[in-house]
Amino acid sequence: MLTIGSMVWGVRDVERARAFWEAALHYRPRDDDHDETWAVLVPESGDGPQFALDLVQSERPRRHHLDLYADDQAVEVERLLTLGATRDEHWEYEADPDYVVLRDPDGNPFCVVQR
């Protein structure tokens, strides 16, 4: 089973975006550490999806993707591939990633993250 775990928003200034989205959504940082390249926000109260901010270099405005959380990543990746997703063969992973980058039939990227 897949669930939306995070909406990942590509931004040029993580600190500025974090301040804006915290106030706009009534979210708070998930972690105490402050990273200039990445921030994860969660609802101040109650449940809801995470809202992640990712530093990007691209000037173009469409820099967003979904993180889908999976209990069994390998099974879900294979299921999504049979539905028409493709692997992003050009993605450069860091060491020991917990995610796989796929593209939907229109070429939009999304990640399948091992819960």
Protein backbone atom coordinates (compact mmCIF):
# COMPACT_ATOMS: atom_id res chain seq x y z
CA MET A 1 0.00 0.00 0.00
CA LEU A 2 1.22 3.49 -0.84
CA THR A 3 0.43 6.74 0.95
CA ILE A 4 1.52 10.30 0.28
CA GLY A 5 4.27 10.89 2.80
CA SER A 6 5.62 14.22 1.64
CA MET A 7 4.98 16.88 -0.91
CA VAL A 8 8.45 18.05 -1.93
CA TRP A 9 8.70 21.68 -2.99
CA GLY A 10 11.77 22.85 -4.89
CA VAL A 11 12.88 26.27 -3.64
CA ARG A 12 15.78 28.65 -4.16
CA ASP A 13 15.98 29.76 -0.50
CA VAL A 14 15.08 27.11 2.10
CA GLU A 15 15.08 29.49 5.09
CA ARG A 16 12.78 32.01 3.42
CA ALA A 17 10.48 29.28 2.14
CA ARG A 18 10.39 27.59 5.54
CA ALA A 19 9.31 30.79 7.28
CA PHE A 20 6.60 31.38 4.67
CA TRP A 21 5.17 27.85 4.64
CA GLU A 22 5.28 27.49 8.44
CA ALA A 23 3.07 30.57 8.74
CA ALA A 24 0.90 29.81 5.71
CA LEU A 25 0.10 26.20 6.63
CA HIS A 26 0.45 26.33 10.45
CA TYR A 27 3.26 23.79 10.17
CA ARG A 28 6.43 23.45 12.23
CA PRO A 29 9.87 21.94 11.53
CA ARG A 30 9.92 18.17 12.07
CA ASP A 31 13.54 18.28 13.24
CA ASP A 32 15.48 20.73 15.39
CA ASP A 33 18.48 20.89 13.09
CA HIS A 34 18.55 23.66 10.48
CA ASP A 35 19.78 22.65 7.08
CA GLU A 36 20.29 25.17 4.27
CA THR A 37 19.43 22.54 1.65
CA TRP A 38 16.46 20.65 3.12
CA ALA A 39 13.66 21.11 5.62
CA VAL A 40 10.69 18.94 6.53
CA LEU A 41 7.60 20.61 7.97
CA VAL A 42 4.73 18.85 9.75
CA PRO A 43 1.35 20.06 11.03
CA GLU A 44 1.49 21.95 14.34
CA SER A 45 -1.33 19.72 15.57
CA GLY A 46 -3.06 16.67 14.21
CA ASP A 47 -2.14 14.49 11.30
CA GLY A 48 -1.33 15.45 7.78
CA PRO A 49 1.28 14.96 5.09
CA GLN A 50 4.75 16.34 5.51
CA PHE A 51 5.73 19.35 3.43
CA ALA A 52 9.40 19.13 2.47
CA LEU A 53 11.50 21.99 1.09
CA ASP A 54 14.41 21.05 -1.16
CA LEU A 55 17.09 23.46 -2.36
CA VAL A 56 17.23 23.44 -6.16
CA GLN A 57 19.42 25.18 -8.69
CA SER A 58 16.84 25.30 -11.46
CA GLU A 59 15.31 28.67 -12.28
CA ARG A 60 12.22 27.06 -13.79
CA PRO A 61 9.14 27.11 -11.56
CA ARG A 62 8.04 23.45 -11.95
CA ARG A 63 10.36 21.77 -9.46
CA HIS A 64 8.00 19.67 -7.35
CA HIS A 65 7.35 15.97 -6.80
CA LEU A 66 5.58 13.54 -4.50
CA ASP A 67 7.20 11.15 -2.05
CA LEU A 68 5.10 7.99 -1.81
CA TYR A 69 5.78 5.96 1.34
CA ALA A 70 5.78 2.17 0.98
CA ASP A 71 5.77 -0.64 3.52
CA ASP A 72 7.49 -2.81 0.89
CA GLN A 73 9.33 -0.56 -1.53
CA ALA A 74 10.48 -3.27 -3.93
CA VAL A 75 6.96 -4.66 -4.37
CA GLU A 76 5.48 -1.19 -4.92
CA VAL A 77 8.17 -0.16 -7.40
CA GLU A 78 7.50 -3.29 -9.47
CA ARG A 79 3.73 -2.71 -9.29
CA LEU A 80 4.14 0.90 -10.44
CA LEU A 81 6.40 -0.16 -13.30
CA THR A 82 3.70 -2.57 -14.52
CA LEU A 83 1.20 0.31 -14.40
CA GLY A 84 3.34 2.41 -16.76
CA ALA A 85 5.91 4.15 -14.56
CA THR A 86 9.54 4.11 -15.66
CA ARG A 87 12.78 4.27 -13.72
CA ASP A 88 14.70 7.54 -13.88
CA GLU A 89 17.91 6.09 -15.26
CA HIS A 90 19.74 9.42 -15.02
CA TRP A 91 19.18 10.06 -11.31
CA GLU A 92 22.40 10.19 -9.29
CA TYR A 93 21.74 8.59 -5.89
CA GLU A 94 23.76 9.27 -2.78
CA ALA A 95 25.07 6.32 -0.75
CA ASP A 96 22.35 4.07 0.74
CA PRO A 97 19.23 5.94 -0.41
CA ASP A 98 15.87 4.99 1.10
CA TYR A 99 14.05 6.04 -2.09
CA VAL A 100 13.72 5.12 -5.75
CA VAL A 101 13.02 7.77 -8.39
CA LEU A 102 10.37 6.85 -10.94
CA ARG A 103 8.55 8.84 -13.62
CA ASP A 104 4.85 8.71 -14.35
CA PRO A 105 3.64 8.13 -17.94
CA ASP A 106 3.89 11.89 -18.61
CA GLY A 107 7.51 11.96 -17.43
CA ASN A 108 6.88 13.63 -14.05
CA PRO A 109 9.26 12.40 -11.34
CA PHE A 110 8.13 10.92 -8.02
CA CYS A 111 9.88 8.94 -5.30
CA VAL A 112 8.96 5.66 -3.64
CA VAL A 113 10.38 5.82 -0.12
CA GLN A 114 10.81 2.81 2.16
CA ARG A 115 8.75 3.57 5.26
